[in-house]
Protein backbone atom coordinates (compact mmCIF):
# COMPACT_ATOMS: atom_id res chain seq x y z
CA MET A 1 -23.77 -16.57 -36.40
CA GLY A 2 -22.56 -19.95 -37.42
CA ALA A 3 -21.02 -22.43 -35.02
CA LEU A 4 -20.15 -26.05 -34.61
CA ASP A 5 -23.07 -27.58 -32.15
CA GLY A 6 -21.86 -31.29 -31.52
CA GLY A 7 -20.08 -31.65 -34.57
CA HIS A 8 -22.65 -29.87 -36.59
CA PHE A 9 -23.02 -26.43 -38.08
CA CYS A 10 -25.78 -24.38 -36.85
CA VAL A 11 -26.90 -20.90 -36.45
CA GLU A 12 -28.44 -19.14 -33.23
CA LEU A 13 -30.97 -16.82 -33.77
CA GLU A 14 -31.34 -13.79 -31.40
CA ASN A 15 -34.51 -15.67 -29.71
CA GLY A 16 -32.09 -18.66 -28.92
CA MET A 17 -33.50 -20.84 -31.40
CA LYS A 18 -30.84 -23.07 -33.18
CA LEU A 19 -30.88 -23.96 -36.95
CA ASP A 20 -29.21 -27.00 -38.11
CA ALA A 21 -27.50 -27.47 -41.39
CA SER A 22 -30.59 -29.11 -42.82
CA ASP A 23 -32.94 -26.05 -42.02
CA LEU A 24 -30.40 -23.83 -43.80
CA GLY A 25 -29.88 -26.13 -46.94
CA LEU A 26 -26.10 -26.44 -46.12
CA GLU A 27 -23.87 -29.48 -47.30
CA LYS A 28 -23.92 -32.05 -44.31
CA GLU A 29 -20.84 -33.82 -43.47
CA PRO A 30 -20.34 -37.13 -44.99
CA GLU A 31 -20.66 -39.15 -41.53
CA THR A 32 -24.04 -37.60 -41.04
CA ILE A 33 -25.05 -38.35 -44.57
CA VAL A 34 -24.03 -42.24 -43.89
CA ILE A 35 -25.70 -42.47 -40.74
CA GLU A 36 -29.04 -40.95 -42.28
CA ASP A 37 -28.89 -43.49 -45.12
CA ALA A 38 -28.58 -46.16 -42.64
CA VAL A 39 -31.66 -45.13 -40.72
CA LYS A 40 -33.53 -45.07 -43.79
CA VAL A 41 -32.63 -48.56 -44.36
CA LEU A 42 -33.45 -49.58 -40.80
CA LEU A 43 -37.11 -47.78 -40.89
CA GLN A 44 -37.97 -49.41 -44.18
CA GLY A 45 -36.92 -52.74 -42.67
CA LEU A 46 -39.76 -52.03 -39.77
CA GLY A 47 -42.13 -51.61 -42.64
CA GLU A 48 -42.29 -47.68 -42.14
CA ASP A 49 -42.71 -44.85 -44.54
CA VAL A 50 -39.90 -42.82 -44.22
CA ASN A 51 -41.69 -40.11 -45.90
CA ARG A 52 -44.56 -40.07 -43.63
CA GLU A 53 -45.26 -36.81 -41.08
CA GLY A 54 -43.01 -37.71 -38.11
CA LEU A 55 -40.27 -39.59 -39.85
CA LYS A 56 -39.29 -37.29 -42.25
CA LYS A 57 -36.47 -35.81 -40.04
CA THR A 58 -35.97 -38.77 -38.13
CA PRO A 59 -32.73 -40.07 -39.98
CA PHE A 60 -31.23 -36.43 -39.44
CA ARG A 61 -32.39 -36.55 -35.87
CA VAL A 62 -30.92 -39.81 -35.16
CA ALA A 63 -27.75 -39.09 -36.70
CA LYS A 64 -27.31 -35.63 -34.63
CA ALA A 65 -28.05 -37.75 -31.57
CA LEU A 66 -25.70 -40.42 -32.10
CA ARG A 67 -22.88 -38.23 -33.07
CA GLU A 68 -23.69 -36.08 -29.99
CA GLY A 69 -23.64 -39.13 -27.89
CA THR A 70 -20.27 -40.33 -29.17
CA ARG A 71 -18.43 -37.01 -29.54
CA GLY A 72 -15.70 -38.46 -27.01
CA TYR A 73 -13.96 -39.98 -29.75
CA LYS A 74 -12.77 -36.81 -31.35
CA GLN A 75 -11.86 -35.33 -27.82
CA LYS A 76 -8.39 -35.62 -26.07
CA VAL A 77 -8.08 -35.77 -22.19
CA LYS A 78 -4.84 -33.67 -22.48
CA ASP A 79 -6.68 -30.72 -24.04
CA ILE A 80 -8.93 -30.77 -20.99
CA VAL A 81 -6.40 -31.06 -18.17
CA GLN A 82 -3.89 -28.79 -19.68
CA GLY A 83 -3.96 -25.21 -18.08
CA ALA A 84 -6.32 -26.51 -15.21
CA LEU A 85 -3.23 -27.84 -12.91
CA PHE A 86 -2.83 -25.44 -9.97
CA PRO A 87 -0.06 -25.32 -7.58
CA GLU A 88 -1.24 -26.11 -4.01
CA VAL A 89 0.41 -27.54 -1.00
CA GLY A 90 0.27 -31.59 -1.59
CA LEU A 91 1.13 -35.09 -0.57
CA HIS A 92 4.95 -35.41 0.27
CA ASP A 93 6.36 -38.98 0.99
CA GLY A 94 2.73 -40.40 1.38
CA VAL A 95 1.97 -37.73 4.46
CA GLY A 96 -0.71 -35.14 4.05
CA HIS A 97 -0.35 -31.72 5.41
CA ALA A 98 -3.01 -29.95 7.52
CA GLY A 99 -4.94 -27.19 5.81
CA GLY A 100 -3.21 -28.22 2.48
CA ALA A 101 -4.50 -30.21 -0.36
CA GLY A 102 -3.05 -33.57 0.95
CA GLY A 103 -6.04 -35.42 1.67
CA LEU A 104 -8.80 -36.96 -0.45
CA VAL A 105 -10.63 -35.17 -2.93
CA ILE A 106 -13.97 -36.18 -4.53
CA VAL A 107 -16.59 -35.15 -6.81
CA ARG A 108 -19.78 -37.08 -6.19
CA ASP A 109 -23.14 -37.66 -8.20
CA LEU A 110 -21.77 -36.64 -11.66
CA ASP A 111 -24.76 -37.51 -14.13
CA LEU A 112 -23.26 -39.41 -17.35
CA PHE A 113 -24.92 -40.97 -20.38
CA SER A 114 -23.57 -43.55 -22.61
CA TYR A 115 -24.30 -46.05 -25.17
CA CYS A 116 -23.77 -49.99 -24.55
CA GLU A 117 -21.27 -51.36 -26.82
CA SER A 118 -23.08 -54.77 -26.99
CA CYS A 119 -26.62 -53.57 -28.19
CA LEU A 120 -26.43 -49.80 -28.79
CA LEU A 121 -29.09 -48.90 -26.18
CA PRO A 122 -28.41 -46.12 -23.96
CA PHE A 123 -27.42 -46.48 -20.55
CA GLN A 124 -27.26 -43.71 -17.38
CA VAL A 125 -24.32 -43.36 -15.06
CA LYS A 126 -23.84 -41.99 -11.48
CA CYS A 127 -20.09 -41.30 -11.36
CA HIS A 128 -18.05 -40.46 -8.25
CA VAL A 129 -14.67 -39.52 -8.83
CA GLY A 130 -11.91 -39.12 -6.19
CA TYR A 131 -8.17 -38.40 -6.13
CA VAL A 132 -5.15 -37.73 -3.77
CA PRO A 133 -3.14 -34.63 -4.99
CA SER A 134 0.48 -35.10 -5.07
CA GLY A 135 3.51 -33.06 -6.13
CA GLN A 136 1.76 -29.81 -5.02
CA ARG A 137 -0.45 -29.95 -7.89
CA VAL A 138 -4.47 -30.08 -7.80
CA VAL A 139 -6.92 -29.98 -10.91
CA GLY A 140 -9.91 -27.70 -11.60
CA LEU A 141 -12.97 -29.72 -10.20
CA SER A 142 -15.05 -29.25 -13.22
CA LYS A 143 -12.35 -31.01 -15.19
CA LEU A 144 -13.09 -34.09 -13.36
CA SER A 145 -16.53 -34.29 -14.99
CA ARG A 146 -15.34 -33.28 -18.42
CA VAL A 147 -12.70 -36.11 -18.35
CA ALA A 148 -15.42 -38.38 -17.13
CA ASP A 149 -17.65 -37.38 -19.95
CA VAL A 150 -15.03 -37.71 -22.55
CA PHE A 151 -14.98 -41.65 -22.34
CA ALA A 152 -18.82 -41.90 -21.42
CA LYS A 153 -19.56 -40.34 -24.81
CA ARG A 154 -18.29 -43.54 -26.64
CA LEU A 155 -19.45 -47.19 -26.93
CA GLN A 156 -18.83 -48.54 -23.65
CA ASP A 157 -19.24 -51.23 -21.03
CA PRO A 158 -19.06 -49.84 -17.23
CA GLN A 159 -16.02 -51.56 -16.21
CA ARG A 160 -13.92 -50.33 -19.09
CA LEU A 161 -15.65 -46.90 -18.58
CA ALA A 162 -14.59 -46.89 -14.99
CA ASP A 163 -11.01 -48.08 -15.82
CA GLU A 164 -10.38 -45.54 -18.87
CA VAL A 165 -11.60 -42.48 -16.94
CA CYS A 166 -9.28 -43.74 -13.81
CA SER A 167 -6.24 -43.93 -16.13
CA ALA A 168 -6.87 -40.86 -17.87
CA LEU A 169 -6.92 -39.06 -14.66
CA GLN A 170 -3.70 -40.83 -13.33
CA HIS A 171 -1.80 -39.72 -16.43
CA GLY A 172 -3.13 -36.31 -16.54
CA ILE A 173 -2.87 -35.19 -13.12
CA LYS A 174 -0.11 -37.50 -11.95
CA PRO A 175 -1.69 -37.72 -8.33
CA ALA A 176 -0.94 -40.15 -5.77
CA GLY A 177 -3.79 -42.10 -7.01
CA VAL A 178 -7.53 -41.97 -8.53
CA ALA A 179 -10.59 -43.94 -7.40
CA VAL A 180 -13.66 -44.36 -9.66
CA ILE A 181 -17.06 -45.70 -8.76
CA LEU A 182 -19.72 -46.03 -11.13
CA GLN A 183 -23.50 -46.71 -10.59
CA CYS A 184 -24.90 -47.84 -13.89
CA LEU A 185 -28.63 -48.20 -15.13
CA HIS A 186 -29.18 -50.31 -18.39
CA ILE A 187 -32.79 -50.05 -19.93
CA HIS A 188 -33.92 -53.61 -20.37
CA PHE A 189 -36.72 -53.93 -22.70
CA PRO A 190 -38.71 -57.39 -23.05
CA ASN A 191 -39.36 -58.63 -26.49
CA LEU A 192 -43.04 -58.54 -27.83
CA GLY A 193 -43.40 -62.07 -27.08
CA SER A 194 -41.99 -62.56 -23.50
CA VAL A 195 -43.47 -59.13 -22.01
CA PHE A 196 -47.30 -60.87 -22.04
CA LEU A 197 -45.70 -63.72 -20.25
CA ASP A 198 -43.87 -62.01 -17.66
CA SER A 199 -45.91 -59.20 -15.91
CA LYS A 200 -43.09 -58.57 -13.55
CA HIS A 201 -40.62 -57.98 -16.03
CA GLN A 202 -38.17 -55.46 -14.56
CA GLY A 203 -37.56 -52.48 -16.85
CA TRP A 204 -33.73 -51.77 -15.34
CA ILE A 205 -30.56 -53.70 -14.78
CA LYS A 206 -28.14 -51.93 -12.47
CA VAL A 207 -24.35 -52.59 -11.88
CA LEU A 208 -21.72 -51.00 -9.60
CA VAL A 209 -18.28 -51.03 -10.87
CA SER A 210 -14.87 -49.43 -9.40
CA SER A 211 -11.53 -48.98 -10.45
CA GLY A 212 -8.40 -47.52 -8.65
CA SER A 213 -4.56 -46.47 -9.33
CA GLY A 214 -2.01 -45.62 -7.31
CA VAL A 215 -2.76 -45.68 -3.44
CA PHE A 216 -6.21 -46.96 -4.69
CA GLU A 217 -4.91 -50.33 -6.11
CA ASN A 218 -5.27 -52.14 -3.11
CA GLU A 219 -9.13 -52.37 -2.66
CA ASN A 220 -8.53 -52.89 1.12
CA ALA A 221 -6.42 -49.84 1.67
CA ASP A 222 -7.65 -47.22 4.21
CA VAL A 223 -8.01 -44.72 1.67
CA TRP A 224 -11.00 -46.63 -0.16
CA SER A 225 -12.79 -46.47 3.24
CA ASP A 226 -12.38 -42.67 3.28
CA PHE A 227 -13.73 -42.75 -0.17
CA LEU A 228 -16.78 -44.85 0.43
CA GLY A 229 -17.10 -42.86 3.83
CA LEU A 230 -17.44 -39.59 2.14
CA LEU A 231 -20.46 -41.23 -0.09
CA LYS A 232 -22.05 -43.02 2.44
CA PHE A 233 -22.86 -39.81 4.51
CA ARG A 234 -24.45 -38.18 1.55
CA GLY A 235 -26.73 -41.25 1.20
CA VAL A 236 -24.84 -43.20 -1.44
CA THR A 237 -24.35 -46.96 -0.46
CA VAL A 238 -21.95 -49.12 -2.43
CA GLU A 239 -22.02 -52.61 -1.29
CA LYS A 240 -22.22 -54.98 -4.09
CA ILE A 241 -19.32 -54.00 -6.48
CA LEU A 242 -19.37 -56.49 -9.28
CA THR A 243 -15.83 -58.24 -10.26
CA ARG A 244 -14.50 -57.37 -13.46
CA ASP A 245 -15.19 -61.06 -14.77
CA SER A 246 -18.88 -60.72 -13.78
CA THR A 247 -19.70 -57.48 -15.21
CA LYS A 248 -20.34 -58.29 -18.93
CA GLN A 249 -22.46 -61.32 -18.34
CA SER A 250 -24.74 -59.76 -15.80
CA TRP A 251 -25.04 -56.14 -17.25
CA CYS A 252 -26.12 -56.17 -21.08
CA PRO A 253 -29.51 -57.85 -21.54
CA SER A 254 -28.41 -59.32 -24.68
CA TYR A 255 -26.13 -61.42 -23.05
CA SER A 256 -28.56 -62.86 -20.49
CA SER A 257 -29.33 -66.48 -20.95
CA SER A 258 -33.27 -65.86 -21.42
CA VAL A 259 -32.48 -63.10 -24.51
CA ALA A 260 -29.77 -65.63 -26.06
CA LYS A 261 -32.56 -68.45 -25.92
CA ILE A 262 -35.31 -66.34 -27.66
CA SER A 263 -32.68 -64.79 -30.30
CA SER A 264 -31.45 -68.35 -31.15
CA GLU A 265 -35.13 -69.18 -31.84
CA LEU A 266 -35.54 -66.00 -34.26
CA VAL A 267 -35.00 -66.05 -37.76
CA ALA A 268 -31.59 -64.19 -38.71
CA PRO A 269 -31.77 -60.37 -38.72
CA ASN A 270 -32.23 -58.57 -41.91
CA PRO A 271 -28.83 -58.66 -43.62
CA GLY A 272 -29.36 -55.04 -45.04
CA MET A 273 -30.62 -53.93 -41.60
CA VAL A 274 -27.48 -55.44 -40.00
CA ALA A 275 -25.30 -53.93 -42.60
CA ALA A 276 -26.62 -50.52 -41.96
CA VAL A 277 -25.92 -50.70 -38.50
CA VAL A 278 -22.23 -51.77 -39.26
CA SER A 279 -22.06 -48.62 -41.44
CA ILE A 280 -23.34 -46.67 -38.57
CA LEU A 281 -20.43 -47.86 -36.25
CA ARG A 282 -17.86 -47.09 -38.82
CA SER A 283 -19.30 -43.49 -38.92
CA LEU A 284 -19.04 -42.81 -35.27
CA GLY A 285 -15.35 -43.85 -35.37
CA GLU A 286 -15.63 -47.52 -34.25
CA ASP A 287 -14.15 -50.43 -35.71
CA PRO A 288 -17.08 -52.95 -36.40
CA LEU A 289 -14.49 -55.91 -36.14
CA ARG A 290 -13.52 -55.17 -32.61
CA LYS A 291 -14.57 -58.58 -30.75
CA GLU A 292 -16.83 -56.64 -28.35
CA LEU A 293 -18.93 -55.03 -31.53
CA VAL A 294 -18.96 -58.34 -33.86
CA GLU A 295 -22.53 -59.12 -32.25
CA THR A 296 -23.68 -55.57 -31.87
CA PRO A 297 -25.46 -55.11 -35.15
CA SER A 298 -27.47 -58.40 -34.97
CA HIS A 299 -28.21 -57.34 -31.29
CA PHE A 300 -29.50 -54.21 -32.18
CA VAL A 301 -31.60 -55.12 -35.20
CA ARG A 302 -33.33 -58.16 -33.00
CA TRP A 303 -34.22 -55.50 -30.50
CA LEU A 304 -35.60 -52.93 -32.99
CA MET A 305 -37.72 -55.35 -34.56
CA ASN A 306 -40.01 -55.41 -31.56
CA PHE A 307 -41.30 -52.30 -32.97
CA GLN A 308 -41.97 -53.60 -36.46
CA ASN A 309 -44.90 -51.74 -38.01
CA THR A 310 -46.96 -55.14 -38.45
CA LYS A 311 -50.79 -55.09 -39.14
CA LEU A 312 -52.22 -56.65 -36.18
CA GLU A 313 -55.67 -56.40 -35.34
CA MET A 314 -56.95 -56.02 -31.70
CA LYS A 315 -60.03 -58.18 -31.53
CA LEU A 316 -62.03 -56.40 -28.61
CA ASN A 317 -65.55 -57.47 -29.40
CA GLY A 318 -67.78 -59.02 -26.74
CA PHE A 319 -65.65 -57.27 -24.08
CA ALA A 320 -67.78 -54.72 -21.69
CA CYS A 321 -68.50 -54.41 -18.20
CA GLY A 322 -69.79 -57.44 -16.33
CA ARG A 323 -72.10 -57.90 -13.21
CA THR A 324 -70.50 -57.76 -9.94
CA ASP A 325 -72.40 -60.97 -8.82
CA LEU A 326 -70.37 -62.97 -11.13
CA LEU A 327 -67.17 -60.95 -10.77
CA LYS A 328 -65.28 -58.97 -8.02
CA PRO A 329 -63.77 -55.66 -8.51
CA SER A 330 -60.27 -55.67 -9.85
CA GLY A 331 -59.33 -52.00 -9.46
CA GLU A 332 -59.60 -49.13 -6.91
CA VAL A 333 -63.18 -47.90 -6.83
CA CYS A 334 -64.69 -44.87 -5.99
CA SER A 335 -68.62 -43.86 -5.90
CA HIS A 336 -69.76 -40.88 -7.96
CA ASN A 337 -73.50 -39.96 -8.49
CA ASN A 338 -74.68 -43.77 -8.61
CA GLU A 339 -71.78 -44.74 -10.38
CA GLU A 340 -68.49 -46.11 -9.50
CA MET A 341 -65.14 -44.89 -10.63
CA HIS A 342 -62.43 -47.56 -11.04
CA SER A 343 -58.90 -47.22 -11.90
CA GLU A 344 -56.16 -49.63 -13.25
CA LEU A 345 -52.78 -48.08 -12.24
CA ASN A 346 -49.13 -48.81 -12.90
CA LEU A 347 -49.56 -50.75 -16.24
CA SER A 348 -45.92 -51.09 -17.44
CA PHE A 349 -45.15 -50.00 -21.11
CA TRP A 350 -41.91 -49.93 -23.27
CA SER A 351 -41.97 -48.03 -26.33
CA GLN A 352 -39.56 -46.50 -29.04
CA CYS A 353 -39.34 -42.46 -29.80
CA GLU A 354 -40.07 -42.24 -33.80
CA HIS A 355 -38.12 -39.01 -33.83
CA HIS A 356 -34.93 -40.65 -32.44
CA LEU A 357 -35.25 -44.21 -32.47
CA LEU A 358 -34.35 -44.28 -28.51
CA PRO A 359 -36.52 -46.07 -26.06
CA PHE A 360 -38.82 -44.56 -23.56
CA HIS A 361 -40.58 -46.57 -20.60
CA GLY A 362 -42.97 -45.74 -17.89
CA VAL A 363 -46.63 -46.51 -16.82
CA VAL A 364 -50.14 -46.11 -17.66
CA HIS A 365 -53.00 -45.16 -15.12
CA ILE A 366 -56.40 -45.65 -16.59
CA GLY A 367 -59.66 -44.20 -14.64
CA TYR A 368 -63.28 -44.94 -15.89
CA PHE A 369 -66.97 -45.03 -14.58
CA CYS A 370 -69.38 -47.95 -14.62
CA PRO A 371 -72.79 -48.01 -13.28
CA GLU A 372 -73.65 -49.55 -9.80
CA GLY A 373 -74.03 -53.42 -10.13
CA PHE A 374 -71.45 -53.67 -13.03
CA ASN A 375 -67.79 -54.62 -12.71
CA PRO A 376 -64.96 -53.64 -14.91
CA ILE A 377 -63.06 -56.11 -17.38
CA GLY A 378 -59.72 -57.69 -16.22
CA LYS A 379 -56.41 -55.85 -15.87
CA SER A 380 -54.66 -58.24 -18.31
CA LEU A 381 -56.77 -56.99 -21.26
CA LEU A 382 -56.01 -53.47 -20.39
CA GLN A 383 -52.31 -54.36 -20.08
CA SER A 384 -52.41 -56.04 -23.45
CA ILE A 385 -53.96 -52.81 -24.87
CA VAL A 386 -51.18 -50.92 -23.38
CA HIS A 387 -48.60 -53.28 -24.83
CA PHE A 388 -50.27 -53.13 -28.28
CA TYR A 389 -49.73 -49.49 -28.56
CA GLY A 390 -46.12 -49.64 -26.79
CA PHE A 391 -44.80 -51.66 -28.99
CA LYS A 392 -44.66 -49.29 -32.12
CA LEU A 393 -42.58 -46.46 -33.28
CA GLN A 394 -44.30 -43.72 -31.01
CA VAL A 395 -44.68 -40.35 -29.53
CA GLN A 396 -46.15 -40.25 -26.09
CA GLU A 397 -48.93 -37.90 -26.76
CA ARG A 398 -50.29 -40.29 -29.49
CA LEU A 399 -49.74 -43.36 -27.21
CA THR A 400 -51.74 -41.58 -24.62
CA ARG A 401 -54.81 -40.68 -27.00
CA GLN A 402 -54.69 -44.30 -28.70
CA ILE A 403 -55.17 -46.04 -25.38
CA ALA A 404 -57.97 -43.81 -24.35
CA GLU A 405 -59.73 -43.88 -27.58
CA THR A 406 -59.37 -48.07 -27.80
CA VAL A 407 -60.79 -48.49 -24.16
CA SER A 408 -63.39 -46.02 -24.49
CA PRO A 409 -66.20 -48.28 -26.14
CA ILE A 410 -65.15 -50.89 -23.76
CA LEU A 411 -65.38 -49.33 -20.64
CA GLY A 412 -68.59 -47.13 -21.16
CA GLY A 413 -66.95 -43.84 -22.70
CA ASP A 414 -66.05 -41.93 -19.88
CA ILE A 415 -62.28 -42.26 -19.63
CA MET A 416 -59.05 -40.66 -18.42
CA VAL A 417 -55.66 -41.92 -18.97
CA VAL A 418 -52.34 -40.85 -17.51
CA VAL A 419 -48.96 -41.97 -18.83
CA GLU A 420 -45.83 -41.15 -16.93
CA ALA A 421 -42.49 -41.83 -18.88
CA ASN A 422 -38.73 -41.46 -18.98
CA HIS A 423 -37.41 -40.71 -22.21
CA THR A 424 -33.77 -41.35 -23.02
CA CYS A 425 -33.90 -39.37 -26.17
CA MET A 426 -34.29 -36.18 -23.85
CA ILE A 427 -31.52 -37.50 -21.37
CA SER A 428 -29.03 -38.31 -24.19
CA ARG A 429 -29.38 -34.88 -25.94
CA GLY A 430 -28.72 -33.03 -22.52
CA ILE A 431 -32.32 -31.52 -22.29
CA GLU A 432 -33.51 -33.31 -18.99
CA LYS A 433 -31.86 -34.44 -15.77
CA PHE A 434 -31.74 -37.87 -14.73
CA GLY A 435 -35.00 -38.88 -13.05
CA SER A 436 -37.35 -36.24 -14.72
CA ASN A 437 -40.59 -37.61 -15.96
CA THR A 438 -42.94 -36.63 -18.89
CA ALA A 439 -46.80 -36.87 -18.05
CA THR A 440 -49.65 -36.80 -20.63
CA ILE A 441 -53.23 -36.84 -19.96
CA ALA A 442 -56.14 -37.96 -22.42
CA VAL A 443 -59.69 -37.41 -21.46
CA LEU A 444 -63.11 -38.43 -22.72
CA GLY A 445 -66.79 -38.33 -21.72
CA ARG A 446 -67.36 -37.01 -18.13
CA PHE A 447 -63.76 -36.60 -17.39
CA SER A 448 -63.41 -34.00 -20.04
CA THR A 449 -65.85 -31.75 -18.27
CA ASP A 450 -66.10 -32.47 -14.64
CA PRO A 451 -62.77 -31.44 -12.76
CA ALA A 452 -64.02 -33.18 -9.76
CA ALA A 453 -63.91 -36.42 -11.38
CA ARG A 454 -60.44 -35.63 -12.69
CA ALA A 455 -59.29 -34.61 -9.07
CA MET A 456 -60.58 -37.92 -7.70
CA PHE A 457 -58.64 -40.21 -10.36
CA PHE A 458 -55.50 -38.14 -9.30
CA GLN A 459 -56.00 -38.81 -5.97
CA SER A 460 -55.94 -42.59 -6.81
CA ILE A 461 -52.48 -42.52 -8.40
CA PRO A 462 -49.75 -43.77 -6.06
CA LYS A 463 -47.60 -40.84 -4.98
CA VAL A 464 -44.27 -42.91 -5.14
CA PRO A 465 -41.41 -42.46 -7.77
CA THR A 466 -42.20 -45.15 -10.77
CA SER A 467 -39.32 -44.01 -12.82
CA GLY A 468 -36.63 -46.88 -11.71
CA MET A 469 -33.86 -44.26 -12.28
CA LEU A 470 -30.74 -43.73 -10.27
């Protein structure tokens, strides 16, 4: 039976599978067609063949993900709150009533997803909302999450998102006051040149913002202490809340001094690609001339060009295992049948999903055997190989295989590669929860036939979170 799914016509089959309009040959919405055409321009600007396998449906998938991620433009808070207000003993003249609903009500740890209005990169939000009921009126708790999601599903920056959620709840519920705290996490991609120079590049930028109305307008009010106390005893510590003036400058990587310096040294972005992003903004319901969005198309294109389909050659001739009397071991070592297993762990990578043009980021672990008396090559070369294949339009399975096949002739043929990554394309479409992680494996030589060797390598991988998520 036909239904609208995130603004798209789809049919759900008996087995639960959903078919989109493109699968059924039905006419697409004009906004979807505009975005698809723009994505084709972007792909061609990257030097890609829009008809190659893997990219054929990318324009439609990108359009669907963008429209899903910005569906808040077509939603109204009053439609959510109306009908969800319930009579209950509330706050009277600033005094709560024991056994009633006069005290603070909060909902913690709401997972939200949004797009940064400065660069169009996705960011994650952990949202905490509280309000003090008034007028013998409370609201269904699920509505707090739904109202927050309405504003998250728009192009945003953290402070405005907090303010809009706070204001909407204040006007919709009419409580004594509303408080909102957001813990936001913005992916921070380096560019292709700088990543080789900065091995300690951090993949994430975190900020903490707040907004309050009514009894929460005074940031020193006792009710704020109650709000923070209810967060703290559940392990949520909020100590450094940014001021409104400092949020923008310290938030989006496109505003940092280093990125600005690098961008100023680059040739101006392809005008056709910039125009394509402008058309996408219009199709999403935004005004590209809004001051916060004027530079967004250029920021997005500059970032996207990191994944240009260049014809770089990887020159690896001459690299092989060296003697231990010349070099000391650089990785973890385990003995195995007169050979040593070496491992290089937590090699960072950044990449771009070719199916949705959304980033994924993670670490690579490489294990291999060398005969006794020989030493592995340096970590820097392996990191360079990982970056070489990461800075392309990719899928994780292919990335894993390419790394394994490239290092195999250098390291002796017995290779095991494990890639762990967080995919924003999964989170943005509601398939994964924050913090979930995708792992892929490629094995060659002995590792493909020896379970003990694989188990030995798994034991060398650190058993600590590597995602950097909230």
